[in-house]
N, C-alpha and C. Protein backbone atom coordinates (compact mmCIF):
# COMPACT_ATOMS: atom_id res chain seq x y z
N MET A 1 0.82 -1.20 0.00
CA MET A 1 0.00 0.00 0.00
C MET A 1 0.86 1.26 0.00
N LEU A 2 1.95 1.23 0.77
CA LEU A 2 2.84 2.38 0.80
C LEU A 2 3.45 2.63 -0.57
N ARG A 3 3.81 1.52 -1.25
CA ARG A 3 4.41 1.68 -2.57
C ARG A 3 3.39 2.28 -3.54
N LYS A 4 2.12 1.85 -3.43
CA LYS A 4 1.08 2.41 -4.30
C LYS A 4 0.86 3.89 -4.01
N ASP A 5 0.86 4.25 -2.73
CA ASP A 5 0.71 5.66 -2.37
C ASP A 5 1.88 6.48 -2.91
N ALA A 6 3.08 5.93 -2.80
CA ALA A 6 4.26 6.65 -3.29
C ALA A 6 4.19 6.86 -4.80
N GLU A 7 3.75 5.84 -5.54
CA GLU A 7 3.65 5.97 -6.98
C GLU A 7 2.54 6.95 -7.36
N ARG A 8 1.45 6.92 -6.61
CA ARG A 8 0.37 7.85 -6.86
C ARG A 8 0.84 9.30 -6.65
N ASN A 9 1.57 9.53 -5.58
CA ASN A 9 2.12 10.86 -5.33
C ASN A 9 3.09 11.27 -6.43
N ARG A 10 3.89 10.31 -6.88
CA ARG A 10 4.86 10.62 -7.94
C ARG A 10 4.14 11.10 -9.20
N GLN A 11 3.09 10.40 -9.59
CA GLN A 11 2.35 10.79 -10.78
C GLN A 11 1.66 12.14 -10.61
N ARG A 12 1.14 12.40 -9.42
CA ARG A 12 0.51 13.69 -9.15
C ARG A 12 1.54 14.81 -9.26
N ILE A 13 2.73 14.56 -8.78
CA ILE A 13 3.79 15.58 -8.85
C ILE A 13 4.18 15.83 -10.30
N ILE A 14 4.32 14.77 -11.09
CA ILE A 14 4.69 14.93 -12.50
C ILE A 14 3.63 15.72 -13.26
N GLU A 15 2.36 15.39 -13.04
CA GLU A 15 1.29 16.10 -13.73
C GLU A 15 1.24 17.56 -13.30
N ALA A 16 1.42 17.81 -12.01
CA ALA A 16 1.43 19.19 -11.52
C ALA A 16 2.62 19.95 -12.12
N ALA A 17 3.78 19.31 -12.16
CA ALA A 17 4.97 19.96 -12.72
C ALA A 17 4.77 20.27 -14.20
N ARG A 18 4.13 19.37 -14.92
CA ARG A 18 3.87 19.61 -16.35
C ARG A 18 3.05 20.88 -16.52
N GLN A 19 2.02 21.05 -15.70
CA GLN A 19 1.17 22.23 -15.81
C GLN A 19 1.91 23.50 -15.39
N VAL A 20 2.66 23.40 -14.30
CA VAL A 20 3.40 24.56 -13.80
C VAL A 20 4.48 24.96 -14.79
N PHE A 21 5.19 23.98 -15.35
CA PHE A 21 6.22 24.29 -16.34
C PHE A 21 5.60 24.96 -17.57
N ALA A 22 4.41 24.48 -17.99
CA ALA A 22 3.74 25.08 -19.14
C ALA A 22 3.37 26.53 -18.86
N ASP A 23 2.97 26.82 -17.62
CA ASP A 23 2.52 28.17 -17.26
C ASP A 23 3.68 29.11 -16.95
N GLN A 24 4.72 28.59 -16.28
CA GLN A 24 5.75 29.46 -15.72
C GLN A 24 7.17 29.15 -16.19
N GLY A 25 7.35 28.06 -16.92
CA GLY A 25 8.70 27.67 -17.33
C GLY A 25 9.31 26.68 -16.34
N VAL A 26 10.42 26.08 -16.75
CA VAL A 26 11.00 24.99 -15.96
C VAL A 26 11.68 25.44 -14.68
N HIS A 27 11.84 26.75 -14.51
CA HIS A 27 12.46 27.24 -13.27
C HIS A 27 11.41 27.67 -12.25
N ALA A 28 10.17 27.25 -12.45
CA ALA A 28 9.10 27.58 -11.51
C ALA A 28 9.42 27.01 -10.13
N PRO A 29 8.97 27.66 -9.06
CA PRO A 29 9.29 27.19 -7.71
C PRO A 29 8.68 25.83 -7.39
N VAL A 30 9.44 25.04 -6.65
CA VAL A 30 8.98 23.72 -6.24
C VAL A 30 7.73 23.85 -5.37
N GLU A 31 7.64 24.93 -4.60
CA GLU A 31 6.48 25.13 -3.73
C GLU A 31 5.18 25.18 -4.54
N GLU A 32 5.24 25.77 -5.73
CA GLU A 32 4.03 25.84 -6.57
C GLU A 32 3.67 24.47 -7.11
N ILE A 33 4.68 23.68 -7.46
CA ILE A 33 4.43 22.32 -7.93
C ILE A 33 3.79 21.49 -6.82
N ALA A 34 4.34 21.60 -5.61
CA ALA A 34 3.80 20.86 -4.47
C ALA A 34 2.36 21.28 -4.21
N ARG A 35 2.09 22.58 -4.27
CA ARG A 35 0.74 23.07 -4.00
C ARG A 35 -0.26 22.50 -4.99
N GLN A 36 0.10 22.52 -6.28
CA GLN A 36 -0.83 22.01 -7.28
C GLN A 36 -0.99 20.50 -7.20
N ALA A 37 0.05 19.82 -6.74
CA ALA A 37 -0.02 18.36 -6.60
C ALA A 37 -0.76 17.95 -5.33
N GLY A 38 -0.95 18.90 -4.40
CA GLY A 38 -1.62 18.57 -3.14
C GLY A 38 -0.75 17.79 -2.20
N VAL A 39 0.58 18.01 -2.27
CA VAL A 39 1.51 17.32 -1.38
C VAL A 39 2.44 18.36 -0.75
N GLY A 40 3.21 17.95 0.24
CA GLY A 40 4.18 18.83 0.84
C GLY A 40 5.44 18.94 0.00
N VAL A 41 6.18 20.01 0.21
CA VAL A 41 7.44 20.20 -0.51
C VAL A 41 8.39 19.04 -0.23
N GLY A 42 8.38 18.56 1.02
CA GLY A 42 9.24 17.43 1.37
C GLY A 42 8.94 16.20 0.55
N THR A 43 7.66 15.98 0.24
CA THR A 43 7.28 14.83 -0.59
C THR A 43 7.85 14.97 -1.99
N VAL A 44 7.84 16.17 -2.53
CA VAL A 44 8.41 16.39 -3.86
C VAL A 44 9.90 16.03 -3.85
N TYR A 45 10.61 16.47 -2.83
CA TYR A 45 12.05 16.20 -2.77
C TYR A 45 12.35 14.73 -2.48
N ARG A 46 11.46 14.05 -1.78
CA ARG A 46 11.67 12.61 -1.57
C ARG A 46 11.52 11.84 -2.88
N ARG A 47 10.53 12.22 -3.68
CA ARG A 47 10.32 11.53 -4.96
C ARG A 47 11.36 11.94 -5.99
N PHE A 48 11.77 13.24 -5.93
CA PHE A 48 12.72 13.77 -6.91
C PHE A 48 13.78 14.59 -6.18
N PRO A 49 14.81 13.92 -5.63
CA PRO A 49 15.84 14.64 -4.86
C PRO A 49 16.58 15.70 -5.68
N ASP A 50 16.71 15.46 -6.98
CA ASP A 50 17.38 16.41 -7.87
C ASP A 50 16.33 17.00 -8.81
N ARG A 51 16.33 18.32 -8.96
CA ARG A 51 15.34 18.97 -9.82
C ARG A 51 15.39 18.42 -11.25
N THR A 52 16.60 18.06 -11.69
CA THR A 52 16.74 17.52 -13.05
C THR A 52 15.91 16.27 -13.24
N GLU A 53 15.80 15.46 -12.19
CA GLU A 53 15.01 14.22 -12.29
C GLU A 53 13.54 14.54 -12.56
N LEU A 54 13.03 15.60 -11.93
CA LEU A 54 11.64 15.98 -12.15
C LEU A 54 11.45 16.53 -13.56
N VAL A 55 12.36 17.38 -13.99
CA VAL A 55 12.27 17.93 -15.35
C VAL A 55 12.34 16.79 -16.37
N GLU A 56 13.22 15.85 -16.14
CA GLU A 56 13.36 14.71 -17.04
C GLU A 56 12.08 13.89 -17.08
N ALA A 57 11.49 13.64 -15.91
CA ALA A 57 10.26 12.85 -15.85
C ALA A 57 9.14 13.51 -16.66
N VAL A 58 9.09 14.83 -16.63
CA VAL A 58 8.06 15.56 -17.37
C VAL A 58 8.32 15.51 -18.87
N PHE A 59 9.56 15.75 -19.28
CA PHE A 59 9.84 15.99 -20.69
C PHE A 59 10.20 14.73 -21.48
N LEU A 60 10.65 13.68 -20.82
CA LEU A 60 10.98 12.46 -21.56
C LEU A 60 9.76 11.90 -22.29
N GLU A 61 8.64 11.84 -21.58
CA GLU A 61 7.43 11.29 -22.20
C GLU A 61 6.97 12.17 -23.35
N ARG A 62 7.08 13.50 -23.17
CA ARG A 62 6.68 14.41 -24.24
C ARG A 62 7.61 14.27 -25.45
N ALA A 63 8.90 14.20 -25.21
CA ALA A 63 9.85 14.06 -26.31
C ALA A 63 9.59 12.78 -27.09
N GLN A 64 9.23 11.71 -26.39
CA GLN A 64 8.92 10.45 -27.07
C GLN A 64 7.69 10.61 -27.96
N ARG A 65 6.69 11.34 -27.50
CA ARG A 65 5.50 11.58 -28.32
C ARG A 65 5.84 12.34 -29.59
N TYR A 66 6.71 13.35 -29.48
CA TYR A 66 7.06 14.14 -30.65
C TYR A 66 7.91 13.33 -31.63
N LEU A 67 8.76 12.46 -31.08
CA LEU A 67 9.57 11.59 -31.94
C LEU A 67 8.67 10.64 -32.73
N VAL A 68 7.67 10.07 -32.07
CA VAL A 68 6.74 9.17 -32.76
C VAL A 68 6.01 9.94 -33.87
N ALA A 69 5.59 11.17 -33.58
CA ALA A 69 4.92 11.98 -34.60
C ALA A 69 5.82 12.21 -35.80
N ALA A 70 7.10 12.52 -35.54
CA ALA A 70 8.04 12.75 -36.64
C ALA A 70 8.28 11.47 -37.44
N GLN A 71 8.44 10.36 -36.75
CA GLN A 71 8.68 9.08 -37.43
C GLN A 71 7.50 8.67 -38.30
N GLU A 72 6.30 8.83 -37.76
CA GLU A 72 5.11 8.48 -38.54
C GLU A 72 4.94 9.40 -39.74
N SER A 73 5.24 10.68 -39.56
CA SER A 73 5.14 11.62 -40.68
C SER A 73 6.18 11.31 -41.75
N LEU A 74 7.35 10.83 -41.32
CA LEU A 74 8.41 10.49 -42.27
C LEU A 74 7.98 9.32 -43.16
N GLY A 75 7.07 8.50 -42.67
CA GLY A 75 6.60 7.37 -43.46
C GLY A 75 5.56 7.73 -44.51
N HIS A 76 5.17 9.00 -44.57
CA HIS A 76 4.16 9.41 -45.55
C HIS A 76 4.76 9.33 -46.96
N PRO A 77 4.01 8.82 -47.93
CA PRO A 77 4.57 8.68 -49.28
C PRO A 77 4.89 10.01 -49.96
N ASP A 78 4.19 11.08 -49.58
CA ASP A 78 4.46 12.38 -50.17
C ASP A 78 5.24 13.24 -49.18
N PRO A 79 6.46 13.68 -49.53
CA PRO A 79 7.30 14.41 -48.58
C PRO A 79 6.65 15.68 -48.03
N TRP A 80 5.96 16.46 -48.89
CA TRP A 80 5.32 17.68 -48.38
C TRP A 80 4.21 17.33 -47.38
N ASP A 81 3.40 16.34 -47.70
CA ASP A 81 2.32 15.95 -46.79
C ASP A 81 2.89 15.42 -45.47
N GLY A 82 4.05 14.74 -45.54
CA GLY A 82 4.68 14.26 -44.31
C GLY A 82 5.17 15.42 -43.46
N PHE A 83 5.81 16.40 -44.08
CA PHE A 83 6.29 17.58 -43.37
C PHE A 83 5.13 18.35 -42.76
N ARG A 84 4.08 18.57 -43.55
CA ARG A 84 2.90 19.30 -43.07
C ARG A 84 2.23 18.55 -41.92
N SER A 85 2.12 17.23 -42.05
CA SER A 85 1.50 16.43 -41.00
C SER A 85 2.26 16.55 -39.68
N TYR A 86 3.57 16.57 -39.75
CA TYR A 86 4.39 16.71 -38.54
C TYR A 86 4.12 18.03 -37.85
N LEU A 87 4.15 19.13 -38.61
CA LEU A 87 3.92 20.44 -38.00
C LEU A 87 2.50 20.55 -37.45
N GLU A 88 1.54 20.01 -38.14
CA GLU A 88 0.16 20.09 -37.66
C GLU A 88 -0.04 19.27 -36.40
N ARG A 89 0.68 18.16 -36.30
CA ARG A 89 0.58 17.36 -35.07
C ARG A 89 1.23 18.09 -33.90
N LEU A 90 2.36 18.76 -34.16
CA LEU A 90 2.97 19.56 -33.10
C LEU A 90 2.02 20.67 -32.66
N ARG A 91 1.35 21.29 -33.63
CA ARG A 91 0.40 22.35 -33.29
C ARG A 91 -0.72 21.83 -32.41
N ALA A 92 -1.25 20.66 -32.76
CA ALA A 92 -2.33 20.08 -31.97
C ALA A 92 -1.86 19.72 -30.56
N MET A 93 -0.64 19.20 -30.44
CA MET A 93 -0.10 18.89 -29.12
C MET A 93 0.10 20.16 -28.30
N GLN A 94 0.53 21.23 -28.98
CA GLN A 94 0.78 22.48 -28.28
C GLN A 94 -0.51 23.08 -27.73
N ALA A 95 -1.63 22.82 -28.41
CA ALA A 95 -2.91 23.31 -27.91
C ALA A 95 -3.26 22.65 -26.57
N GLU A 96 -2.74 21.43 -26.35
CA GLU A 96 -2.99 20.73 -25.09
C GLU A 96 -1.91 21.00 -24.06
N ASP A 97 -0.69 21.24 -24.53
CA ASP A 97 0.45 21.34 -23.62
C ASP A 97 1.50 22.24 -24.25
N GLN A 98 1.71 23.42 -23.65
CA GLN A 98 2.62 24.39 -24.25
C GLN A 98 4.09 24.11 -23.98
N THR A 99 4.41 22.96 -23.40
CA THR A 99 5.82 22.61 -23.21
C THR A 99 6.45 22.06 -24.49
N VAL A 100 5.70 22.04 -25.60
CA VAL A 100 6.26 21.56 -26.87
C VAL A 100 7.55 22.29 -27.21
N THR A 101 7.54 23.62 -27.13
CA THR A 101 8.72 24.39 -27.49
C THR A 101 9.88 24.08 -26.55
N ASP A 102 9.58 23.85 -25.26
CA ASP A 102 10.63 23.51 -24.31
C ASP A 102 11.31 22.19 -24.68
N VAL A 103 10.52 21.23 -25.14
CA VAL A 103 11.11 19.94 -25.53
C VAL A 103 12.14 20.13 -26.63
N LEU A 104 11.87 21.05 -27.55
CA LEU A 104 12.77 21.28 -28.68
C LEU A 104 13.96 22.15 -28.33
N THR A 105 13.87 22.93 -27.24
CA THR A 105 14.91 23.92 -26.96
C THR A 105 15.57 23.78 -25.60
N LEU A 106 14.98 23.03 -24.68
CA LEU A 106 15.48 22.96 -23.32
C LEU A 106 16.87 22.36 -23.25
N ASP A 107 17.77 23.02 -22.53
CA ASP A 107 19.12 22.50 -22.31
C ASP A 107 19.13 21.71 -21.00
N LEU A 108 19.29 20.39 -21.11
CA LEU A 108 19.25 19.52 -19.93
C LEU A 108 20.43 18.54 -20.00
N PRO A 109 21.67 19.07 -19.90
CA PRO A 109 22.85 18.23 -20.11
C PRO A 109 22.99 17.11 -19.11
N ALA A 110 22.39 17.24 -17.92
CA ALA A 110 22.52 16.19 -16.91
C ALA A 110 21.69 14.95 -17.25
N SER A 111 20.76 15.08 -18.19
CA SER A 111 19.90 13.97 -18.57
C SER A 111 20.36 13.38 -19.89
N THR A 112 21.13 12.32 -19.83
CA THR A 112 21.61 11.67 -21.06
C THR A 112 20.45 11.11 -21.87
N ALA A 113 19.47 10.53 -21.19
CA ALA A 113 18.33 9.94 -21.90
C ALA A 113 17.57 11.00 -22.68
N PHE A 114 17.35 12.15 -22.07
CA PHE A 114 16.62 13.22 -22.75
C PHE A 114 17.42 13.76 -23.93
N GLN A 115 18.71 13.96 -23.74
CA GLN A 115 19.55 14.49 -24.82
C GLN A 115 19.58 13.54 -26.02
N GLN A 116 19.68 12.24 -25.74
CA GLN A 116 19.72 11.26 -26.83
C GLN A 116 18.39 11.20 -27.57
N LEU A 117 17.29 11.26 -26.81
CA LEU A 117 15.98 11.21 -27.43
C LEU A 117 15.74 12.44 -28.29
N ARG A 118 16.18 13.60 -27.81
CA ARG A 118 15.99 14.82 -28.60
C ARG A 118 16.87 14.81 -29.85
N LYS A 119 18.07 14.23 -29.77
CA LYS A 119 18.90 14.12 -30.96
C LYS A 119 18.20 13.29 -32.03
N ARG A 120 17.55 12.21 -31.62
CA ARG A 120 16.80 11.39 -32.57
C ARG A 120 15.64 12.19 -33.17
N LEU A 121 14.98 12.99 -32.33
CA LEU A 121 13.89 13.84 -32.81
C LEU A 121 14.41 14.85 -33.83
N TYR A 122 15.52 15.52 -33.51
CA TYR A 122 16.11 16.49 -34.44
C TYR A 122 16.47 15.81 -35.77
N ALA A 123 17.09 14.65 -35.69
CA ALA A 123 17.52 13.96 -36.91
C ALA A 123 16.32 13.60 -37.79
N THR A 124 15.25 13.11 -37.16
CA THR A 124 14.06 12.73 -37.92
C THR A 124 13.38 13.97 -38.50
N GLN A 125 13.30 15.02 -37.71
CA GLN A 125 12.72 16.28 -38.19
C GLN A 125 13.51 16.82 -39.38
N ASN A 126 14.84 16.75 -39.29
CA ASN A 126 15.68 17.25 -40.39
C ASN A 126 15.49 16.43 -41.66
N ARG A 127 15.24 15.14 -41.51
CA ARG A 127 14.97 14.31 -42.68
C ARG A 127 13.66 14.72 -43.35
N LEU A 128 12.66 15.06 -42.53
CA LEU A 128 11.39 15.55 -43.08
C LEU A 128 11.60 16.84 -43.88
N ILE A 129 12.40 17.74 -43.32
CA ILE A 129 12.67 19.02 -43.98
C ILE A 129 13.41 18.80 -45.30
N ARG A 130 14.46 17.99 -45.24
CA ARG A 130 15.27 17.75 -46.46
C ARG A 130 14.45 17.09 -47.55
N ALA A 131 13.61 16.12 -47.16
CA ALA A 131 12.81 15.40 -48.17
C ALA A 131 11.87 16.36 -48.89
N ALA A 132 11.21 17.26 -48.15
CA ALA A 132 10.28 18.20 -48.77
C ALA A 132 11.04 19.21 -49.63
N GLN A 133 12.25 19.60 -49.21
CA GLN A 133 13.04 20.52 -50.02
C GLN A 133 13.55 19.85 -51.28
N GLU A 134 13.96 18.61 -51.17
CA GLU A 134 14.42 17.89 -52.36
C GLU A 134 13.28 17.64 -53.34
N GLN A 135 12.07 17.51 -52.81
CA GLN A 135 10.89 17.36 -53.66
C GLN A 135 10.59 18.66 -54.41
N GLY A 136 11.04 19.78 -53.85
CA GLY A 136 10.80 21.07 -54.46
C GLY A 136 9.53 21.75 -53.97
N THR A 137 8.91 21.22 -52.90
CA THR A 137 7.67 21.81 -52.40
C THR A 137 7.89 22.69 -51.18
N LEU A 138 9.01 22.54 -50.47
CA LEU A 138 9.34 23.37 -49.31
C LEU A 138 10.45 24.34 -49.71
N ARG A 139 10.27 25.60 -49.39
CA ARG A 139 11.25 26.61 -49.77
C ARG A 139 12.64 26.22 -49.27
N ALA A 140 13.64 26.48 -50.10
CA ALA A 140 14.99 26.00 -49.83
C ALA A 140 15.65 26.69 -48.64
N ASP A 141 15.16 27.87 -48.26
CA ASP A 141 15.79 28.59 -47.16
C ASP A 141 15.16 28.29 -45.80
N PHE A 142 14.24 27.35 -45.76
CA PHE A 142 13.66 26.94 -44.47
C PHE A 142 14.70 26.16 -43.69
N VAL A 143 14.85 26.47 -42.39
CA VAL A 143 15.83 25.79 -41.54
C VAL A 143 15.12 25.24 -40.31
N PRO A 144 15.73 24.27 -39.60
CA PRO A 144 15.07 23.66 -38.43
C PRO A 144 14.66 24.68 -37.36
N GLU A 145 15.43 25.75 -37.22
CA GLU A 145 15.07 26.77 -36.22
C GLU A 145 13.73 27.42 -36.53
N ASP A 146 13.31 27.37 -37.79
CA ASP A 146 12.02 27.95 -38.14
C ASP A 146 10.86 27.18 -37.52
N VAL A 147 11.06 25.89 -37.25
CA VAL A 147 10.03 25.12 -36.55
C VAL A 147 9.77 25.72 -35.18
N VAL A 148 10.85 26.07 -34.48
CA VAL A 148 10.71 26.68 -33.16
C VAL A 148 10.00 28.02 -33.26
N LEU A 149 10.35 28.83 -34.28
CA LEU A 149 9.69 30.12 -34.45
C LEU A 149 8.19 29.96 -34.66
N LEU A 150 7.80 28.98 -35.47
CA LEU A 150 6.38 28.73 -35.69
C LEU A 150 5.67 28.37 -34.38
N LEU A 151 6.33 27.54 -33.57
CA LEU A 151 5.71 27.12 -32.32
C LEU A 151 5.64 28.26 -31.31
N ILE A 152 6.65 29.12 -31.30
CA ILE A 152 6.60 30.29 -30.41
C ILE A 152 5.43 31.20 -30.81
N ALA A 153 5.28 31.43 -32.11
CA ALA A 153 4.18 32.27 -32.58
C ALA A 153 2.84 31.62 -32.24
N ASN A 154 2.75 30.32 -32.44
CA ASN A 154 1.50 29.63 -32.13
C ASN A 154 1.21 29.64 -30.64
N ALA A 155 2.26 29.57 -29.81
CA ALA A 155 2.06 29.61 -28.37
C ALA A 155 1.40 30.91 -27.94
N ALA A 156 1.78 32.01 -28.60
CA ALA A 156 1.16 33.30 -28.28
C ALA A 156 -0.32 33.29 -28.63
N ILE A 157 -0.65 32.66 -29.74
CA ILE A 157 -2.07 32.57 -30.14
C ILE A 157 -2.84 31.71 -29.15
N VAL A 158 -2.25 30.58 -28.73
CA VAL A 158 -2.91 29.70 -27.78
C VAL A 158 -3.13 30.42 -26.45
N ASP A 159 -2.12 31.20 -26.03
CA ASP A 159 -2.24 31.96 -24.78
C ASP A 159 -3.38 32.97 -24.85
N ARG A 160 -3.45 33.68 -25.96
CA ARG A 160 -4.39 34.81 -26.04
C ARG A 160 -5.78 34.40 -26.47
N VAL A 161 -5.90 33.48 -27.41
CA VAL A 161 -7.21 33.16 -27.99
C VAL A 161 -7.43 31.65 -28.03
N GLY A 162 -6.93 30.96 -27.03
CA GLY A 162 -7.06 29.50 -27.02
C GLY A 162 -8.49 29.02 -27.02
N GLU A 163 -9.42 29.85 -26.51
CA GLU A 163 -10.82 29.42 -26.47
C GLU A 163 -11.53 29.65 -27.80
N VAL A 164 -10.82 30.21 -28.79
CA VAL A 164 -11.37 30.38 -30.14
C VAL A 164 -10.66 29.34 -31.01
N PRO A 165 -11.22 28.14 -31.15
CA PRO A 165 -10.46 27.01 -31.69
C PRO A 165 -10.01 27.15 -33.13
N GLN A 166 -10.67 28.03 -33.91
CA GLN A 166 -10.26 28.17 -35.31
C GLN A 166 -8.96 28.94 -35.48
N SER A 167 -8.53 29.66 -34.44
CA SER A 167 -7.42 30.59 -34.59
C SER A 167 -6.10 29.90 -34.91
N SER A 168 -5.74 28.90 -34.10
CA SER A 168 -4.45 28.24 -34.28
C SER A 168 -4.38 27.48 -35.61
N PRO A 169 -5.40 26.67 -35.99
CA PRO A 169 -5.32 25.99 -37.29
C PRO A 169 -5.20 26.96 -38.47
N ARG A 170 -5.91 28.10 -38.39
CA ARG A 170 -5.83 29.06 -39.49
C ARG A 170 -4.44 29.67 -39.58
N PHE A 171 -3.85 30.02 -38.43
CA PHE A 171 -2.49 30.56 -38.45
C PHE A 171 -1.54 29.56 -39.08
N PHE A 172 -1.65 28.29 -38.70
CA PHE A 172 -0.72 27.30 -39.24
C PHE A 172 -0.94 27.09 -40.73
N ALA A 173 -2.19 27.14 -41.17
CA ALA A 173 -2.45 26.99 -42.60
C ALA A 173 -1.82 28.15 -43.37
N LEU A 174 -1.94 29.36 -42.84
CA LEU A 174 -1.30 30.52 -43.46
C LEU A 174 0.22 30.35 -43.49
N ALA A 175 0.77 29.90 -42.36
CA ALA A 175 2.22 29.74 -42.27
C ALA A 175 2.71 28.67 -43.24
N LEU A 176 1.99 27.56 -43.33
CA LEU A 176 2.41 26.48 -44.22
C LEU A 176 2.35 26.91 -45.68
N ASP A 177 1.33 27.69 -46.04
CA ASP A 177 1.27 28.18 -47.41
C ASP A 177 2.44 29.11 -47.72
N ALA A 178 2.89 29.85 -46.71
CA ALA A 178 4.05 30.73 -46.91
C ALA A 178 5.32 29.92 -47.14
N LEU A 179 5.33 28.67 -46.68
CA LEU A 179 6.51 27.83 -46.83
C LEU A 179 6.51 27.05 -48.15
N ARG A 180 5.35 26.94 -48.78
CA ARG A 180 5.25 26.18 -50.02
C ARG A 180 5.80 26.96 -51.19
N THR A 181 6.28 26.23 -52.16
CA THR A 181 6.77 26.86 -53.38
C THR A 181 5.67 27.01 -54.42
N ASP A 182 4.59 26.24 -54.27
CA ASP A 182 3.49 26.34 -55.24
C ASP A 182 2.24 25.72 -54.62
N ARG A 183 1.14 25.79 -55.35
CA ARG A 183 -0.12 25.13 -55.02
C ARG A 183 -0.56 25.33 -53.56
N PRO A 184 -0.91 26.55 -53.16
CA PRO A 184 -1.37 26.75 -51.79
C PRO A 184 -2.66 25.98 -51.52
N SER A 185 -2.81 25.55 -50.27
CA SER A 185 -3.98 24.76 -49.89
C SER A 185 -5.08 25.66 -49.34
N PRO A 186 -6.35 25.19 -49.34
CA PRO A 186 -7.45 26.01 -48.81
C PRO A 186 -7.25 26.28 -47.31
N LEU A 187 -7.64 27.49 -46.88
CA LEU A 187 -7.54 27.85 -45.47
C LEU A 187 -8.73 27.31 -44.69
N PRO A 188 -8.53 26.96 -43.41
CA PRO A 188 -9.68 26.65 -42.55
C PRO A 188 -10.55 27.89 -42.39
N ASP A 189 -11.77 27.68 -41.88
CA ASP A 189 -12.67 28.82 -41.66
C ASP A 189 -12.03 29.82 -40.71
N PRO A 190 -12.24 31.12 -40.93
CA PRO A 190 -11.69 32.13 -40.02
C PRO A 190 -12.41 32.10 -38.68
N PRO A 191 -11.73 32.52 -37.61
CA PRO A 191 -12.38 32.57 -36.30
C PRO A 191 -13.43 33.67 -36.27
N PRO A 192 -14.46 33.54 -35.43
CA PRO A 192 -15.47 34.60 -35.30
C PRO A 192 -14.81 35.90 -34.84
N ALA A 193 -15.22 37.00 -35.41
CA ALA A 193 -14.57 38.28 -35.13
C ALA A 193 -14.77 38.74 -33.69
N GLU A 194 -15.98 38.58 -33.14
CA GLU A 194 -16.28 39.15 -31.82
C GLU A 194 -15.47 38.52 -30.70
N PRO A 195 -15.46 37.17 -30.55
CA PRO A 195 -14.64 36.60 -29.48
C PRO A 195 -13.15 36.78 -29.70
N LEU A 196 -12.72 36.81 -30.95
CA LEU A 196 -11.30 37.03 -31.24
C LEU A 196 -10.89 38.42 -30.79
N LEU A 197 -11.71 39.43 -31.10
CA LEU A 197 -11.41 40.80 -30.68
C LEU A 197 -11.39 40.92 -29.16
N ALA A 198 -12.34 40.27 -28.51
CA ALA A 198 -12.39 40.32 -27.04
C ALA A 198 -11.15 39.70 -26.43
N ALA A 199 -10.70 38.59 -27.01
CA ALA A 199 -9.51 37.92 -26.49
C ALA A 199 -8.27 38.78 -26.68
N MET A 200 -8.18 39.46 -27.82
CA MET A 200 -7.01 40.29 -28.09
C MET A 200 -6.95 41.51 -27.17
N GLN A 201 -8.07 41.91 -26.61
CA GLN A 201 -8.10 43.08 -25.74
C GLN A 201 -7.71 42.76 -24.31
N ARG A 202 -7.61 41.46 -23.98
CA ARG A 202 -7.19 41.08 -22.63
C ARG A 202 -5.68 41.21 -22.51
N PRO A 203 -5.16 41.44 -21.29
CA PRO A 203 -3.70 41.49 -21.10
C PRO A 203 -3.08 40.16 -21.50
N PRO A 204 -1.91 40.17 -22.12
CA PRO A 204 -1.26 38.92 -22.53
C PRO A 204 -0.79 38.11 -21.33
N VAL A 205 -0.68 36.79 -21.50
CA VAL A 205 -0.16 35.89 -20.47
C VAL A 205 1.31 35.68 -20.76
N HIS A 206 2.17 35.92 -19.77
CA HIS A 206 3.62 35.79 -19.97
C HIS A 206 4.14 34.59 -19.22
N ARG A 207 4.90 33.76 -19.90
CA ARG A 207 5.63 32.68 -19.24
C ARG A 207 7.01 33.20 -18.90
N ARG A 208 7.57 32.72 -17.80
CA ARG A 208 8.94 33.09 -17.48
C ARG A 208 9.87 32.41 -18.45
N SER A 209 10.96 33.07 -18.74
CA SER A 209 11.95 32.50 -19.66
C SER A 209 12.51 31.22 -19.10
N THR A 210 12.69 30.21 -19.99
CA THR A 210 13.27 28.95 -19.57
C THR A 210 14.78 28.99 -19.56
N GLY A 211 15.38 30.11 -20.00
CA GLY A 211 16.84 30.25 -19.94
C GLY A 211 17.53 29.46 -21.00
């Protein structure tokens, strides 16, 4: 029973950390993670004596999800459709969890497992980019860092107008057409003007820098 309680607490801490990291960045205080998990700070440190272990527990599972998305997209018979599918899946994941950008950019040298997994993700992502460029459908000056820029821009949209579901897909459709060399695809329906305007008038939500 004690082991089950300990595992239950561990999962509660990981889920709380995932939410806190999404809201405040990976340097958010442990006290806030403990509060959201409904446990004491001492319990957090017993389960995760080193902060890196907690960060790793949160991001390893996410990195694995993104790697699977990239691998499955790489198997698409059409290189442009595979590249587009990968970005659209990242966008959909980001709507649920804004730590997507952190997975691609976070420096976590103490975690060998995370570093190796992210290297595989980068390599697969780069193969998607090269295949679409060699096909002639993706502009030749697109670089891997542009994926991060797209996700940062989309994160701002999710923060400000996340409750207007058409906003993020439309932005990505516009962005993807800007990356194509020909044959633009139809745009999704535009978001309703009234709720979009109301959302834009609210103060922006700021995450702390992840460093």
